[in-house]
Amino acid sequence: MAEPNDWNSKIIEEFRASGGKVGGAFEGAPLLLLHTTGARTGQERVNPVMYRRVGDNYAVFASKAGAPSNPDWYHNLVANPAVRAEIGTQTIDLTARVADSAEREQIWAAQKAEYAGFADYEQKTTRQIPVVILEPTSR
């Protein structure tokens, strides 16, 4: 099995080469490249993640394919909520916040209904998968 960083690198390369579109498991899905600052290292990290539009904001899901722990990018944005995202050919400055319970439930239910894989992830883990809201920094 390929290392996650190698897998991510291939998706990132394809995303950038094709103006934000990728094939394979993510073909046709809304995908962005999330730039976070490492909580321990202070280094920039880039991760491809699926997103959902929520008004003028974007919701991302710390599913880690149903693993028992949250993805590293989640810990990074909790520690450093100033993030950037490449969406299509644009790069946007955003502020991240974890959705509150009521907000999370509505967004999470819609995501599971549209993309059944997220319901599968939920079944694989005992943790509640965080929903993170990315809000543009300038309105």
C-alpha atoms as a PDB file:
ATOM      1  CA  MET A   1       0.000   0.000   0.000  1.00  0.00           C
ATOM      2  CA  ALA A   2       1.289   3.481  -0.842  1.00  0.00           C
ATOM      3  CA  GLU A   3       2.313   5.800   1.975  1.00  0.00           C
ATOM      4  CA  PRO A   4      -0.338   8.470   2.700  1.00  0.00           C
ATOM      5  CA  ASN A   5       2.064  11.315   1.858  1.00  0.00           C
ATOM      6  CA  ASP A   6       2.903   9.695  -1.492  1.00  0.00           C
ATOM      7  CA  TRP A   7      -0.820   9.193  -2.214  1.00  0.00           C
ATOM      8  CA  ASN A   8      -1.565  12.806  -1.239  1.00  0.00           C
ATOM      9  CA  SER A   9       1.333  14.092  -3.371  1.00  0.00           C
ATOM     10  CA  LYS A  10      -0.096  12.407  -6.458  1.00  0.00           C
ATOM     11  CA  ILE A  11      -3.550  13.885  -5.841  1.00  0.00           C
ATOM     12  CA  ILE A  12      -2.071  17.348  -5.197  1.00  0.00           C
ATOM     13  CA  GLU A  13      -0.047  17.160  -8.410  1.00  0.00           C
ATOM     14  CA  GLU A  14      -3.076  16.055 -10.447  1.00  0.00           C
ATOM     15  CA  PHE A  15      -5.287  18.726  -8.819  1.00  0.00           C
ATOM     16  CA  ARG A  16      -2.851  21.506  -9.709  1.00  0.00           C
ATOM     17  CA  ALA A  17      -2.165  20.209 -13.221  1.00  0.00           C
ATOM     18  CA  SER A  18      -5.873  20.016 -14.100  1.00  0.00           C
ATOM     19  CA  GLY A  19      -7.249  23.194 -12.522  1.00  0.00           C
ATOM     20  CA  GLY A  20      -8.700  21.519  -9.451  1.00  0.00           C
ATOM     21  CA  LYS A  21     -10.069  18.309 -10.944  1.00  0.00           C
ATOM     22  CA  VAL A  22      -8.911  14.793 -10.151  1.00  0.00           C
ATOM     23  CA  GLY A  23      -9.831  11.284 -11.187  1.00  0.00           C
ATOM     24  CA  GLY A  24      -9.888   8.006  -9.317  1.00  0.00           C
ATOM     25  CA  ALA A  25     -11.748   7.822  -6.023  1.00  0.00           C
ATOM     26  CA  PHE A  26     -12.320  11.609  -5.989  1.00  0.00           C
ATOM     27  CA  GLU A  27     -13.521  12.015  -9.592  1.00  0.00           C
ATOM     28  CA  GLY A  28     -16.421  14.464  -9.690  1.00  0.00           C
ATOM     29  CA  ALA A  29     -16.270  15.134  -5.939  1.00  0.00           C
ATOM     30  CA  PRO A  30     -15.687  18.642  -4.563  1.00  0.00           C
ATOM     31  CA  LEU A  31     -12.044  18.618  -3.502  1.00  0.00           C
ATOM     32  CA  LEU A  32      -9.825  21.345  -2.122  1.00  0.00           C
ATOM     33  CA  LEU A  33      -6.213  21.502  -1.045  1.00  0.00           C
ATOM     34  CA  LEU A  34      -6.097  22.543   2.594  1.00  0.00           C
ATOM     35  CA  HIS A  35      -2.981  24.418   3.722  1.00  0.00           C
ATOM     36  CA  THR A  36      -2.395  24.258   7.473  1.00  0.00           C
ATOM     37  CA  THR A  37       0.515  25.164   9.728  1.00  0.00           C
ATOM     38  CA  GLY A  38       2.007  22.244  11.635  1.00  0.00           C
ATOM     39  CA  ALA A  39       1.086  22.424  15.318  1.00  0.00           C
ATOM     40  CA  ARG A  40       4.552  21.248  16.404  1.00  0.00           C
ATOM     41  CA  THR A  41       6.763  22.103  13.444  1.00  0.00           C
ATOM     42  CA  GLY A  42       5.298  25.385  12.244  1.00  0.00           C
ATOM     43  CA  GLN A  43       5.774  24.082   8.678  1.00  0.00           C
ATOM     44  CA  GLU A  44       3.124  24.364   6.003  1.00  0.00           C
ATOM     45  CA  ARG A  45       1.223  21.157   5.300  1.00  0.00           C
ATOM     46  CA  VAL A  46      -1.074  20.551   2.327  1.00  0.00           C
ATOM     47  CA  ASN A  47      -3.808  17.913   2.299  1.00  0.00           C
ATOM     48  CA  PRO A  48      -6.489  17.129  -0.277  1.00  0.00           C
ATOM     49  CA  VAL A  49      -9.911  16.957   1.384  1.00  0.00           C
ATOM     50  CA  MET A  50     -13.500  16.823   0.214  1.00  0.00           C
ATOM     51  CA  TYR A  51     -15.596  19.850   1.040  1.00  0.00           C
ATOM     52  CA  ARG A  52     -19.209  20.973   1.094  1.00  0.00           C
ATOM     53  CA  ARG A  53     -20.392  24.533   0.469  1.00  0.00           C
ATOM     54  CA  VAL A  54     -22.280  26.010   3.409  1.00  0.00           C
ATOM     55  CA  GLY A  55     -23.403  29.465   2.331  1.00  0.00           C
ATOM     56  CA  ASP A  56     -20.226  31.489   1.748  1.00  0.00           C
ATOM     57  CA  ASN A  57     -18.213  28.981   3.799  1.00  0.00           C
ATOM     58  CA  TYR A  58     -16.769  25.542   3.227  1.00  0.00           C
ATOM     59  CA  ALA A  59     -17.174  22.509   5.473  1.00  0.00           C
ATOM     60  CA  VAL A  60     -14.477  19.836   5.614  1.00  0.00           C
ATOM     61  CA  PHE A  61     -14.644  16.526   7.423  1.00  0.00           C
ATOM     62  CA  ALA A  62     -11.920  15.054   9.657  1.00  0.00           C
ATOM     63  CA  SER A  63     -12.919  11.508   8.732  1.00  0.00           C
ATOM     64  CA  LYS A  64      -9.489   9.930   8.115  1.00  0.00           C
ATOM     65  CA  ALA A  65     -11.466   7.150   6.387  1.00  0.00           C
ATOM     66  CA  GLY A  66     -12.933   6.068   9.729  1.00  0.00           C
ATOM     67  CA  ALA A  67      -9.611   5.659  11.553  1.00  0.00           C
ATOM     68  CA  PRO A  68      -9.724   5.754  15.373  1.00  0.00           C
ATOM     69  CA  SER A  69      -7.906   9.126  15.511  1.00  0.00           C
ATOM     70  CA  ASN A  70      -8.398  12.486  13.830  1.00  0.00           C
ATOM     71  CA  PRO A  71      -6.146  13.382  10.893  1.00  0.00           C
ATOM     72  CA  ASP A  72      -3.028  15.471  11.557  1.00  0.00           C
ATOM     73  CA  TRP A  73      -4.461  18.380   9.570  1.00  0.00           C
ATOM     74  CA  TYR A  74      -7.309  18.613  12.087  1.00  0.00           C
ATOM     75  CA  HIS A  75      -4.889  19.033  15.005  1.00  0.00           C
ATOM     76  CA  ASN A  76      -2.959  21.612  12.978  1.00  0.00           C
ATOM     77  CA  LEU A  77      -5.958  23.829  12.254  1.00  0.00           C
ATOM     78  CA  VAL A  78      -7.234  23.619  15.822  1.00  0.00           C
ATOM     79  CA  ALA A  79      -3.812  24.898  16.957  1.00  0.00           C
ATOM     80  CA  ASN A  80      -3.516  27.405  14.081  1.00  0.00           C
ATOM     81  CA  PRO A  81      -6.933  28.314  12.618  1.00  0.00           C
ATOM     82  CA  ALA A  82      -5.551  30.627   9.911  1.00  0.00           C
ATOM     83  CA  VAL A  83      -5.564  28.364   6.838  1.00  0.00           C
ATOM     84  CA  ARG A  84      -5.613  28.617   3.061  1.00  0.00           C
ATOM     85  CA  ALA A  85      -7.403  26.488   0.513  1.00  0.00           C
ATOM     86  CA  GLU A  86      -6.858  25.911  -3.173  1.00  0.00           C
ATOM     87  CA  ILE A  87     -10.293  25.526  -4.724  1.00  0.00           C
ATOM     88  CA  GLY A  88     -10.165  25.044  -8.465  1.00  0.00           C
ATOM     89  CA  THR A  89      -7.591  27.575  -9.620  1.00  0.00           C
ATOM     90  CA  GLN A  90      -8.135  30.016  -6.721  1.00  0.00           C
ATOM     91  CA  THR A  91      -6.320  30.202  -3.396  1.00  0.00           C
ATOM     92  CA  ILE A  92      -8.401  31.622  -0.543  1.00  0.00           C
ATOM     93  CA  ASP A  93      -7.401  32.704   2.979  1.00  0.00           C
ATOM     94  CA  LEU A  94      -9.753  31.215   5.553  1.00  0.00           C
ATOM     95  CA  THR A  95     -10.287  30.868   9.268  1.00  0.00           C
ATOM     96  CA  ALA A  96     -11.141  27.412  10.571  1.00  0.00           C
ATOM     97  CA  ARG A  97     -13.494  26.591  13.423  1.00  0.00           C
ATOM     98  CA  VAL A  98     -15.024  23.340  14.592  1.00  0.00           C
ATOM     99  CA  ALA A  99     -18.774  23.281  13.976  1.00  0.00           C
ATOM    100  CA  ASP A 100     -21.005  23.290  17.060  1.00  0.00           C
ATOM    101  CA  SER A 101     -23.300  20.293  17.640  1.00  0.00           C
ATOM    102  CA  ALA A 102     -26.436  21.554  15.879  1.00  0.00           C
ATOM    103  CA  GLU A 103     -24.522  22.969  12.923  1.00  0.00           C
ATOM    104  CA  ARG A 104     -22.434  19.795  12.634  1.00  0.00           C
ATOM    105  CA  GLU A 105     -25.460  17.507  12.632  1.00  0.00           C
ATOM    106  CA  GLN A 106     -27.131  19.246   9.681  1.00  0.00           C
ATOM    107  CA  ILE A 107     -23.949  19.437   7.594  1.00  0.00           C
ATOM    108  CA  TRP A 108     -22.838  15.900   8.464  1.00  0.00           C
ATOM    109  CA  ALA A 109     -26.250  14.418   7.606  1.00  0.00           C
ATOM    110  CA  ALA A 110     -26.217  16.141   4.204  1.00  0.00           C
ATOM    111  CA  GLN A 111     -22.670  14.952   3.492  1.00  0.00           C
ATOM    112  CA  LYS A 112     -23.512  11.335   4.376  1.00  0.00           C
ATOM    113  CA  ALA A 113     -26.655  11.464   2.225  1.00  0.00           C
ATOM    114  CA  GLU A 114     -24.732  12.720  -0.813  1.00  0.00           C
ATOM    115  CA  TYR A 115     -21.543  10.689  -0.321  1.00  0.00           C
ATOM    116  CA  ALA A 116     -22.250   7.300   1.251  1.00  0.00           C
ATOM    117  CA  GLY A 117     -18.559   6.734   1.988  1.00  0.00           C
ATOM    118  CA  PHE A 118     -18.849   9.169   4.888  1.00  0.00           C
ATOM    119  CA  ALA A 119     -21.558   7.019   6.491  1.00  0.00           C
ATOM    120  CA  ASP A 120     -19.168   4.068   6.108  1.00  0.00           C
ATOM    121  CA  TYR A 121     -16.402   6.040   7.832  1.00  0.00           C
ATOM    122  CA  GLU A 122     -18.764   6.808  10.700  1.00  0.00           C
ATOM    123  CA  GLN A 123     -19.518   3.094  11.124  1.00  0.00           C
ATOM    124  CA  LYS A 124     -15.795   2.235  11.261  1.00  0.00           C
ATOM    125  CA  THR A 125     -14.973   4.444  14.247  1.00  0.00           C
ATOM    126  CA  THR A 126     -16.190   5.145  17.758  1.00  0.00           C
ATOM    127  CA  ARG A 127     -15.166   8.827  17.623  1.00  0.00           C
ATOM    128  CA  GLN A 128     -17.447  11.585  16.403  1.00  0.00           C
ATOM    129  CA  ILE A 129     -16.004  12.780  13.110  1.00  0.00           C
ATOM    130  CA  PRO A 130     -15.410  16.531  13.391  1.00  0.00           C
ATOM    131  CA  VAL A 131     -16.918  18.921  10.876  1.00  0.00           C
ATOM    132  CA  VAL A 132     -14.783  22.021  10.380  1.00  0.00           C
ATOM    133  CA  ILE A 133     -16.100  25.267   8.943  1.00  0.00           C
ATOM    134  CA  LEU A 134     -13.700  27.308   6.824  1.00  0.00           C
ATOM    135  CA  GLU A 135     -14.771  30.949   6.689  1.00  0.00           C
ATOM    136  CA  PRO A 136     -13.252  33.530   4.315  1.00  0.00           C
ATOM    137  CA  THR A 137     -11.094  35.958   6.295  1.00  0.00           C
ATOM    138  CA  SER A 138     -12.245  39.025   4.361  1.00  0.00           C
ATOM    139  CA  ARG A 139     -15.946  39.562   3.684  1.00  0.00           C
END
